[in-house]
N, C-alpha and C. Protein backbone atom coordinates (compact mmCIF):
# COMPACT_ATOMS: atom_id res chain seq x y z
N MET A 1 89.99 127.42 31.86
CA MET A 1 89.23 126.98 33.01
C MET A 1 90.01 125.86 33.68
N SER A 2 90.35 126.08 34.94
CA SER A 2 91.13 125.07 35.66
C SER A 2 90.19 124.05 36.30
N THR A 3 90.71 122.84 36.46
CA THR A 3 89.93 121.80 37.12
C THR A 3 90.56 121.50 38.46
N MET A 4 89.72 120.96 39.35
CA MET A 4 90.20 120.66 40.70
C MET A 4 89.46 119.43 41.23
N THR A 5 90.05 118.83 42.23
CA THR A 5 89.43 117.68 42.88
C THR A 5 88.37 118.17 43.86
N VAL A 6 87.60 117.24 44.39
CA VAL A 6 86.57 117.59 45.36
C VAL A 6 87.20 118.19 46.62
N GLY A 7 88.38 117.73 47.00
CA GLY A 7 89.06 118.28 48.17
C GLY A 7 89.41 119.74 47.98
N LYS A 8 89.93 120.09 46.81
CA LYS A 8 90.28 121.48 46.51
C LYS A 8 89.00 122.33 46.42
N LEU A 9 87.96 121.76 45.81
CA LEU A 9 86.68 122.47 45.72
C LEU A 9 86.14 122.77 47.12
N ALA A 10 86.19 121.77 47.98
CA ALA A 10 85.70 121.93 49.35
C ALA A 10 86.51 123.00 50.08
N LYS A 11 87.81 122.95 49.94
CA LYS A 11 88.67 123.93 50.61
C LYS A 11 88.42 125.34 50.08
N THR A 12 88.25 125.47 48.79
CA THR A 12 88.03 126.78 48.16
C THR A 12 86.71 127.40 48.61
N THR A 13 85.68 126.57 48.73
CA THR A 13 84.35 127.09 49.07
C THR A 13 84.05 127.06 50.56
N GLY A 14 84.84 126.30 51.32
CA GLY A 14 84.56 126.16 52.75
C GLY A 14 83.40 125.22 53.02
N ILE A 15 83.06 124.41 52.04
CA ILE A 15 81.96 123.45 52.17
C ILE A 15 82.55 122.05 52.27
N ASN A 16 82.07 121.31 53.24
CA ASN A 16 82.54 119.97 53.52
C ASN A 16 82.43 119.05 52.29
N ILE A 17 83.39 118.15 52.12
CA ILE A 17 83.37 117.20 51.01
C ILE A 17 82.08 116.38 50.99
N GLU A 18 81.66 115.93 52.17
CA GLU A 18 80.43 115.13 52.23
C GLU A 18 79.20 115.95 51.82
N THR A 19 79.23 117.23 52.11
CA THR A 19 78.13 118.11 51.69
C THR A 19 78.11 118.24 50.17
N VAL A 20 79.29 118.36 49.56
CA VAL A 20 79.37 118.41 48.10
C VAL A 20 78.78 117.13 47.51
N ARG A 21 79.16 116.00 48.07
CA ARG A 21 78.63 114.71 47.59
C ARG A 21 77.11 114.65 47.78
N PHE A 22 76.64 115.14 48.92
CA PHE A 22 75.20 115.17 49.18
C PHE A 22 74.48 116.01 48.13
N TYR A 23 75.03 117.19 47.82
CA TYR A 23 74.43 118.06 46.82
C TYR A 23 74.40 117.38 45.44
N GLU A 24 75.43 116.60 45.15
CA GLU A 24 75.43 115.84 43.90
C GLU A 24 74.29 114.83 43.89
N ARG A 25 74.15 114.09 44.98
CA ARG A 25 73.08 113.08 45.06
C ARG A 25 71.70 113.71 44.97
N GLU A 26 71.55 114.91 45.54
CA GLU A 26 70.27 115.61 45.53
C GLU A 26 69.99 116.34 44.22
N GLY A 27 70.95 116.35 43.31
CA GLY A 27 70.75 116.99 42.02
C GLY A 27 71.00 118.49 42.03
N LEU A 28 71.57 119.01 43.11
CA LEU A 28 71.88 120.44 43.15
C LEU A 28 73.19 120.74 42.41
N MET A 29 74.06 119.76 42.37
CA MET A 29 75.32 119.88 41.64
C MET A 29 75.26 118.91 40.46
N PRO A 30 75.76 119.33 39.31
CA PRO A 30 75.78 118.41 38.17
C PRO A 30 76.82 117.31 38.41
N LYS A 31 76.63 116.20 37.73
CA LYS A 31 77.62 115.12 37.82
C LYS A 31 78.92 115.63 37.22
N PRO A 32 80.01 115.54 37.96
CA PRO A 32 81.28 116.07 37.45
C PRO A 32 81.95 115.11 36.47
N GLU A 33 82.83 115.68 35.69
CA GLU A 33 83.68 114.85 34.83
C GLU A 33 84.58 114.03 35.74
N ARG A 34 85.09 112.93 35.21
CA ARG A 34 85.98 112.07 36.00
C ARG A 34 87.27 111.84 35.23
N THR A 35 88.34 111.67 36.00
CA THR A 35 89.61 111.31 35.40
C THR A 35 89.58 109.82 35.05
N ALA A 36 90.60 109.36 34.36
CA ALA A 36 90.70 107.94 34.02
C ALA A 36 90.72 107.09 35.29
N GLY A 37 91.24 107.67 36.37
CA GLY A 37 91.30 106.96 37.65
C GLY A 37 90.02 107.07 38.47
N GLY A 38 89.01 107.76 37.93
CA GLY A 38 87.73 107.87 38.62
C GLY A 38 87.58 109.07 39.54
N HIS A 39 88.60 109.91 39.62
CA HIS A 39 88.50 111.10 40.47
C HIS A 39 87.60 112.14 39.81
N ARG A 40 86.75 112.74 40.60
CA ARG A 40 85.85 113.76 40.07
C ARG A 40 86.62 115.07 39.87
N LEU A 41 86.29 115.76 38.80
CA LEU A 41 86.93 117.02 38.49
C LEU A 41 85.89 118.13 38.47
N PHE A 42 86.21 119.22 39.12
CA PHE A 42 85.32 120.38 39.22
C PHE A 42 86.02 121.59 38.63
N ASP A 43 85.23 122.61 38.30
CA ASP A 43 85.82 123.83 37.75
C ASP A 43 85.22 125.06 38.42
N ASP A 44 85.54 126.23 37.89
CA ASP A 44 85.10 127.49 38.48
C ASP A 44 83.57 127.61 38.53
N SER A 45 82.89 127.04 37.56
CA SER A 45 81.43 127.11 37.58
C SER A 45 80.86 126.33 38.77
N ASP A 46 81.55 125.28 39.17
CA ASP A 46 81.12 124.51 40.35
C ASP A 46 81.33 125.31 41.63
N ILE A 47 82.40 126.09 41.67
CA ILE A 47 82.64 126.98 42.82
C ILE A 47 81.48 127.98 42.91
N ALA A 48 81.14 128.60 41.79
CA ALA A 48 80.06 129.59 41.77
C ALA A 48 78.74 128.95 42.18
N ARG A 49 78.48 127.75 41.71
CA ARG A 49 77.22 127.06 42.03
C ARG A 49 77.15 126.73 43.52
N LEU A 50 78.24 126.23 44.08
CA LEU A 50 78.27 125.92 45.52
C LEU A 50 78.08 127.18 46.36
N ARG A 51 78.70 128.25 45.96
CA ARG A 51 78.54 129.51 46.70
C ARG A 51 77.10 130.01 46.61
N PHE A 52 76.49 129.86 45.44
CA PHE A 52 75.08 130.22 45.26
C PHE A 52 74.21 129.41 46.21
N ILE A 53 74.44 128.09 46.25
CA ILE A 53 73.68 127.21 47.14
C ILE A 53 73.84 127.65 48.59
N GLN A 54 75.07 127.92 49.00
CA GLN A 54 75.34 128.31 50.38
C GLN A 54 74.66 129.64 50.72
N HIS A 55 74.75 130.60 49.82
CA HIS A 55 74.12 131.90 50.09
C HIS A 55 72.60 131.77 50.15
N ALA A 56 72.03 130.93 49.29
CA ALA A 56 70.59 130.70 49.32
C ALA A 56 70.18 130.05 50.64
N LYS A 57 70.99 129.10 51.13
CA LYS A 57 70.72 128.49 52.43
C LYS A 57 70.82 129.53 53.54
N ASP A 58 71.80 130.41 53.45
CA ASP A 58 72.01 131.42 54.48
C ASP A 58 70.81 132.35 54.65
N VAL A 59 70.05 132.59 53.58
CA VAL A 59 68.88 133.46 53.69
C VAL A 59 67.59 132.67 53.91
N GLY A 60 67.73 131.36 54.12
CA GLY A 60 66.59 130.57 54.55
C GLY A 60 65.93 129.67 53.53
N PHE A 61 66.42 129.63 52.31
CA PHE A 61 65.81 128.75 51.32
C PHE A 61 66.10 127.29 51.67
N THR A 62 65.10 126.44 51.47
CA THR A 62 65.27 125.00 51.67
C THR A 62 65.98 124.41 50.45
N LEU A 63 66.42 123.17 50.56
CA LEU A 63 67.08 122.54 49.42
C LEU A 63 66.13 122.43 48.23
N ARG A 64 64.85 122.15 48.49
CA ARG A 64 63.87 122.09 47.39
C ARG A 64 63.75 123.45 46.71
N GLU A 65 63.69 124.51 47.51
CA GLU A 65 63.60 125.85 46.95
C GLU A 65 64.89 126.22 46.20
N ILE A 66 66.02 125.78 46.72
CA ILE A 66 67.29 126.04 46.04
C ILE A 66 67.32 125.31 44.70
N HIS A 67 66.79 124.11 44.68
CA HIS A 67 66.68 123.37 43.41
C HIS A 67 65.89 124.20 42.40
N ASP A 68 64.78 124.77 42.85
CA ASP A 68 63.95 125.62 41.98
C ASP A 68 64.72 126.87 41.54
N LEU A 69 65.44 127.48 42.47
CA LEU A 69 66.23 128.67 42.13
C LEU A 69 67.31 128.34 41.11
N LEU A 70 67.96 127.20 41.29
CA LEU A 70 68.99 126.79 40.33
C LEU A 70 68.39 126.53 38.95
N PHE A 71 67.20 125.96 38.93
CA PHE A 71 66.52 125.75 37.66
C PHE A 71 66.28 127.10 36.98
N LEU A 72 65.79 128.06 37.75
CA LEU A 72 65.54 129.39 37.19
C LEU A 72 66.84 130.06 36.76
N ARG A 73 67.87 129.89 37.58
CA ARG A 73 69.19 130.48 37.28
C ARG A 73 69.74 129.95 35.96
N ASP A 74 69.54 128.66 35.73
CA ASP A 74 70.10 128.02 34.54
C ASP A 74 69.18 128.09 33.32
N SER A 75 67.94 128.51 33.55
CA SER A 75 66.95 128.54 32.47
C SER A 75 67.17 129.73 31.54
N GLU A 76 66.92 129.49 30.28
CA GLU A 76 67.01 130.59 29.31
C GLU A 76 65.69 131.33 29.17
N ILE A 77 64.62 130.78 29.73
CA ILE A 77 63.31 131.41 29.59
C ILE A 77 62.79 132.00 30.90
N ALA A 78 63.43 131.70 32.03
CA ALA A 78 62.99 132.24 33.31
C ALA A 78 63.23 133.74 33.36
N THR A 79 62.37 134.41 34.12
CA THR A 79 62.50 135.86 34.26
C THR A 79 62.86 136.21 35.71
N CYS A 80 63.27 137.44 35.88
CA CYS A 80 63.55 137.94 37.22
C CYS A 80 62.28 137.87 38.08
N GLU A 81 61.13 138.10 37.47
CA GLU A 81 59.87 138.03 38.20
C GLU A 81 59.63 136.63 38.76
N ASP A 82 60.04 135.60 38.02
CA ASP A 82 59.92 134.23 38.52
C ASP A 82 60.73 134.05 39.81
N VAL A 83 61.92 134.60 39.81
CA VAL A 83 62.79 134.53 40.98
C VAL A 83 62.22 135.37 42.11
N CYS A 84 61.73 136.56 41.78
CA CYS A 84 61.14 137.45 42.79
C CYS A 84 59.96 136.78 43.49
N GLU A 85 59.17 136.04 42.75
CA GLU A 85 58.02 135.36 43.35
C GLU A 85 58.47 134.34 44.40
N LEU A 86 59.52 133.59 44.10
CA LEU A 86 60.06 132.65 45.10
C LEU A 86 60.56 133.41 46.33
N ALA A 87 61.24 134.52 46.10
CA ALA A 87 61.76 135.32 47.22
C ALA A 87 60.62 135.91 48.05
N ARG A 88 59.56 136.38 47.39
CA ARG A 88 58.41 136.93 48.12
C ARG A 88 57.76 135.87 48.99
N ARG A 89 57.61 134.66 48.45
CA ARG A 89 57.04 133.57 49.24
C ARG A 89 57.91 133.26 50.45
N LYS A 90 59.22 133.29 50.27
CA LYS A 90 60.14 133.01 51.37
C LYS A 90 60.02 134.10 52.43
N VAL A 91 59.91 135.36 52.02
CA VAL A 91 59.74 136.46 52.98
C VAL A 91 58.46 136.25 53.78
N GLY A 92 57.38 135.88 53.11
CA GLY A 92 56.12 135.61 53.81
C GLY A 92 56.26 134.48 54.82
N GLU A 93 56.97 133.43 54.43
CA GLU A 93 57.21 132.31 55.34
C GLU A 93 58.04 132.76 56.55
N ILE A 94 59.06 133.56 56.31
CA ILE A 94 59.89 134.06 57.39
C ILE A 94 59.06 134.94 58.33
N ASP A 95 58.21 135.80 57.76
CA ASP A 95 57.33 136.64 58.58
C ASP A 95 56.43 135.79 59.47
N ARG A 96 55.87 134.71 58.93
CA ARG A 96 55.01 133.82 59.73
C ARG A 96 55.82 133.16 60.85
N LYS A 97 57.05 132.78 60.54
CA LYS A 97 57.90 132.17 61.57
C LYS A 97 58.25 133.17 62.67
N ILE A 98 58.47 134.42 62.28
CA ILE A 98 58.77 135.46 63.28
C ILE A 98 57.59 135.62 64.23
N VAL A 99 56.37 135.64 63.69
CA VAL A 99 55.17 135.75 64.53
C VAL A 99 55.10 134.55 65.47
N MET A 100 55.31 133.35 64.93
CA MET A 100 55.23 132.15 65.74
C MET A 100 56.31 132.15 66.83
N LEU A 101 57.53 132.52 66.48
CA LEU A 101 58.61 132.56 67.47
C LEU A 101 58.35 133.62 68.54
N THR A 102 57.80 134.74 68.13
CA THR A 102 57.46 135.79 69.10
C THR A 102 56.41 135.29 70.08
N GLU A 103 55.39 134.60 69.56
CA GLU A 103 54.37 134.02 70.44
C GLU A 103 54.98 132.99 71.39
N MET A 104 55.89 132.18 70.89
CA MET A 104 56.55 131.18 71.74
C MET A 104 57.35 131.86 72.86
N ARG A 105 58.10 132.89 72.48
CA ARG A 105 58.89 133.62 73.46
C ARG A 105 57.99 134.26 74.51
N ASP A 106 56.91 134.91 74.06
CA ASP A 106 55.99 135.57 74.98
C ASP A 106 55.36 134.56 75.93
N HIS A 107 55.00 133.40 75.42
CA HIS A 107 54.41 132.36 76.26
C HIS A 107 55.40 131.91 77.34
N LEU A 108 56.63 131.64 76.93
CA LEU A 108 57.64 131.23 77.91
C LEU A 108 57.94 132.34 78.91
N ASN A 109 57.99 133.58 78.44
CA ASN A 109 58.21 134.70 79.36
C ASN A 109 57.08 134.80 80.37
N ALA A 110 55.84 134.64 79.91
CA ALA A 110 54.69 134.70 80.82
C ALA A 110 54.76 133.58 81.85
N LEU A 111 55.16 132.40 81.41
CA LEU A 111 55.28 131.27 82.35
C LEU A 111 56.36 131.54 83.39
N THR A 112 57.48 132.06 82.97
CA THR A 112 58.57 132.30 83.93
C THR A 112 58.26 133.45 84.88
N GLU A 113 57.46 134.42 84.42
CA GLU A 113 57.11 135.53 85.30
C GLU A 113 56.23 135.10 86.47
N VAL A 114 55.40 134.11 86.29
CA VAL A 114 54.52 133.67 87.38
C VAL A 114 55.08 132.48 88.15
N CYS A 115 56.20 132.01 87.73
CA CYS A 115 56.80 130.85 88.39
C CYS A 115 57.24 131.21 89.81
N ALA A 116 56.88 130.35 90.72
CA ALA A 116 57.31 130.55 92.11
C ALA A 116 58.65 129.84 92.28
N ASN A 117 59.72 130.58 92.10
CA ASN A 117 61.05 129.99 92.08
C ASN A 117 61.47 129.34 93.39
N ASP A 118 60.83 129.73 94.47
CA ASP A 118 61.27 129.20 95.76
C ASP A 118 60.65 127.84 96.07
N GLN A 119 59.80 127.32 95.23
CA GLN A 119 59.17 126.03 95.50
C GLN A 119 60.00 124.94 94.84
N ARG A 120 60.22 123.86 95.56
CA ARG A 120 61.14 122.82 95.12
C ARG A 120 60.50 121.76 94.22
N GLY A 121 59.27 121.40 94.43
CA GLY A 121 58.65 120.34 93.66
C GLY A 121 58.07 120.84 92.36
N THR A 122 57.71 119.91 91.50
CA THR A 122 57.12 120.31 90.22
C THR A 122 55.60 120.31 90.29
N ASP A 123 55.01 119.89 91.44
CA ASP A 123 53.55 119.84 91.57
C ASP A 123 52.92 121.21 91.38
N CYS A 124 53.58 122.25 91.85
CA CYS A 124 52.98 123.58 91.82
C CYS A 124 53.73 124.53 90.90
N CYS A 125 54.60 124.01 90.09
CA CYS A 125 55.39 124.86 89.19
C CYS A 125 54.52 125.41 88.07
N ALA A 126 54.50 126.72 87.93
CA ALA A 126 53.68 127.38 86.91
C ALA A 126 54.11 126.98 85.50
N ILE A 127 55.38 126.74 85.31
CA ILE A 127 55.86 126.36 83.98
C ILE A 127 55.34 124.97 83.63
N ILE A 128 55.48 124.02 84.55
CA ILE A 128 54.98 122.66 84.31
C ILE A 128 53.47 122.69 84.07
N LYS A 129 52.74 123.39 84.93
CA LYS A 129 51.28 123.48 84.77
C LYS A 129 50.91 124.14 83.45
N GLY A 130 51.62 125.20 83.11
CA GLY A 130 51.33 125.91 81.86
C GLY A 130 51.58 125.04 80.64
N LEU A 131 52.61 124.23 80.69
CA LEU A 131 52.89 123.34 79.58
C LEU A 131 51.87 122.21 79.51
N GLU A 132 51.36 121.79 80.67
CA GLU A 132 50.35 120.73 80.69
C GLU A 132 49.04 121.20 80.07
N VAL A 133 48.63 122.42 80.35
CA VAL A 133 47.34 122.90 79.85
C VAL A 133 47.48 123.69 78.54
N GLY A 134 48.67 124.18 78.27
CA GLY A 134 48.91 124.88 77.02
C GLY A 134 48.37 126.29 76.96
N GLU A 135 48.06 126.87 78.10
CA GLU A 135 47.55 128.23 78.12
C GLU A 135 48.58 129.15 78.75
N LYS A 136 48.55 130.40 78.31
CA LYS A 136 49.42 131.40 78.95
C LYS A 136 48.84 131.70 80.32
N PRO A 137 49.68 131.76 81.33
CA PRO A 137 49.19 132.10 82.66
C PRO A 137 48.83 133.58 82.74
N ARG A 138 47.94 133.86 83.65
CA ARG A 138 47.61 135.27 83.92
C ARG A 138 48.62 135.81 84.89
N LYS A 139 49.05 137.04 84.64
CA LYS A 139 49.99 137.66 85.55
C LYS A 139 49.29 137.94 86.88
N LYS A 140 50.07 137.79 87.96
CA LYS A 140 49.52 138.09 89.27
C LYS A 140 49.39 139.59 89.42
N LYS A 141 48.35 140.01 90.11
CA LYS A 141 48.15 141.44 90.33
C LYS A 141 49.31 142.01 91.12
N GLY A 142 49.68 143.20 90.78
CA GLY A 142 50.75 143.86 91.50
C GLY A 142 52.11 143.62 90.85
N LYS A 143 52.17 142.86 89.80
CA LYS A 143 53.46 142.61 89.13
C LYS A 143 53.50 143.30 87.82
């Protein structure tokens, strides 16, 4: 098992040195061994752990959830079902966000459809008025 400095670890994984240090402070990365000169030493297991963290972030897990996943990953008693439950909860959260984002998009689309683009002031702007009252505007007849 070869050892490497934080710079080599960062270059190998494509993760910023400061991010590696942040993950250490947050407890996502174990405290590394140090040389006599105080330099931190990392190995292949640290590369795998950083890649795991990055992939978990890529699919939407928060750092707290990643901490839980790492606990399950490292546990001798955790089951695949334990991990599946975390993933199912994340899928549900993503589904709720999709609904919310769709509603946001639809609201903005409705506001822009009724906006009178040729008017210069904000007094009569449908977007400004819609944001003030928080309601979706009704489409004008004939559109």
